[in-house]
């Protein structure tokens, strides 16, 4: 049973990572990255590393996507302000 969970999690990690690279919109990339962080947390927990899984859950699925979304928002605001100044 545990082997099946690991195999499924590895397949989901591979699919999620590929999707994160293939998606062009930065907002959607952040959302896919968040889902990838959750899947990685499940994988680490299945591999008997719950401390790493909890860290991945906090950082990989919450903090990193949030920072990416805030960066995209700020970059878009700056682009709009530059467009208005011209």
Protein backbone atom coordinates (compact mmCIF):
# COMPACT_ATOMS: atom_id res chain seq x y z
CA UNK A 1 0.00 0.00 0.00
CA UNK A 2 2.76 2.43 0.90
CA UNK A 3 4.58 1.64 -2.33
CA UNK A 4 1.47 2.50 -4.33
CA UNK A 5 1.18 5.87 -2.56
CA UNK A 6 4.84 6.63 -3.32
CA UNK A 7 4.46 5.69 -7.00
CA UNK A 8 1.29 7.77 -7.38
CA UNK A 9 2.91 10.72 -5.60
CA UNK A 10 5.99 10.49 -7.83
CA UNK A 11 3.81 10.47 -10.94
CA UNK A 12 1.88 13.50 -9.65
CA UNK A 13 5.16 15.29 -8.87
CA UNK A 14 6.42 14.65 -12.39
CA UNK A 15 3.14 15.83 -13.91
CA UNK A 16 2.96 18.89 -11.65
CA UNK A 17 6.54 19.94 -12.33
CA UNK A 18 6.03 19.56 -16.07
CA UNK A 19 2.82 21.56 -15.89
CA UNK A 20 4.51 24.31 -13.84
CA UNK A 21 7.10 24.70 -16.58
CA UNK A 22 4.59 24.49 -19.44
CA UNK A 23 2.13 27.09 -18.12
CA UNK A 24 2.87 30.58 -19.41
CA UNK A 25 0.79 32.79 -17.09
CA UNK A 26 2.74 33.61 -13.89
CA UNK A 27 -0.41 33.56 -11.73
CA UNK A 28 -1.31 30.08 -12.93
CA UNK A 29 2.30 29.00 -12.46
CA UNK A 30 2.10 30.06 -8.83
CA UNK A 31 -1.09 28.06 -8.35
CA UNK A 32 0.43 24.98 -9.99
CA UNK A 33 3.52 25.44 -7.82
CA UNK A 34 1.29 25.49 -4.76
CA UNK A 35 -0.35 22.21 -5.76
CA UNK A 36 3.08 20.76 -6.48
CA UNK A 37 4.16 21.74 -2.95
CA UNK A 38 1.22 19.84 -1.48
CA UNK A 39 2.00 16.75 -3.56
CA UNK A 40 5.65 16.91 -2.50
CA UNK A 41 4.57 17.17 1.14
CA UNK A 42 2.49 14.02 0.69
CA UNK A 43 5.45 12.29 -0.96
CA UNK A 44 7.81 13.22 1.89
CA UNK A 45 5.28 12.04 4.45
CA UNK A 46 4.86 8.73 2.59
CA UNK A 47 8.65 8.37 2.59
CA UNK A 48 8.60 8.69 6.40
CA UNK A 49 9.98 12.21 6.58
CA UNK A 50 7.09 14.11 8.21
CA UNK A 51 9.28 17.01 9.36
CA UNK A 52 10.41 17.65 5.80
CA UNK A 53 6.81 17.22 4.64
CA UNK A 54 5.59 19.89 7.07
CA UNK A 55 8.34 22.26 6.00
CA UNK A 56 7.47 21.66 2.35
CA UNK A 57 3.80 22.24 3.10
CA UNK A 58 4.53 25.58 4.73
CA UNK A 59 7.17 26.88 2.35
CA UNK A 60 6.47 25.13 -0.94
CA UNK A 61 2.71 25.43 -1.00
CA UNK A 62 2.15 28.69 0.88
CA UNK A 63 5.08 31.08 1.18
CA UNK A 64 6.76 30.68 -2.22
CA UNK A 65 3.56 30.98 -4.32
CA UNK A 66 2.48 33.95 -2.20
CA UNK A 67 5.79 35.72 -2.82
CA UNK A 68 5.50 34.99 -6.55
CA UNK A 69 1.96 36.39 -6.68
CA UNK A 70 3.00 39.54 -4.81
CA UNK A 71 5.95 40.01 -7.16
CA UNK A 72 3.75 39.63 -10.26
CA UNK A 73 1.25 42.10 -8.81
CA UNK A 74 3.94 44.68 -8.12
CA UNK A 75 5.50 44.24 -11.57
CA UNK A 76 2.11 44.72 -13.24
CA UNK A 77 1.44 47.86 -11.20
CA UNK A 78 4.80 49.30 -12.19
CA UNK A 79 4.11 48.54 -15.84
CA UNK A 80 0.75 50.30 -15.59
CA UNK A 81 2.32 53.32 -13.91
CA UNK A 82 5.00 53.55 -16.60
CA UNK A 83 2.30 53.38 -19.26
CA UNK A 84 0.42 56.27 -17.65
CA UNK A 85 3.53 58.41 -17.36
CA UNK A 86 4.15 58.29 -21.09
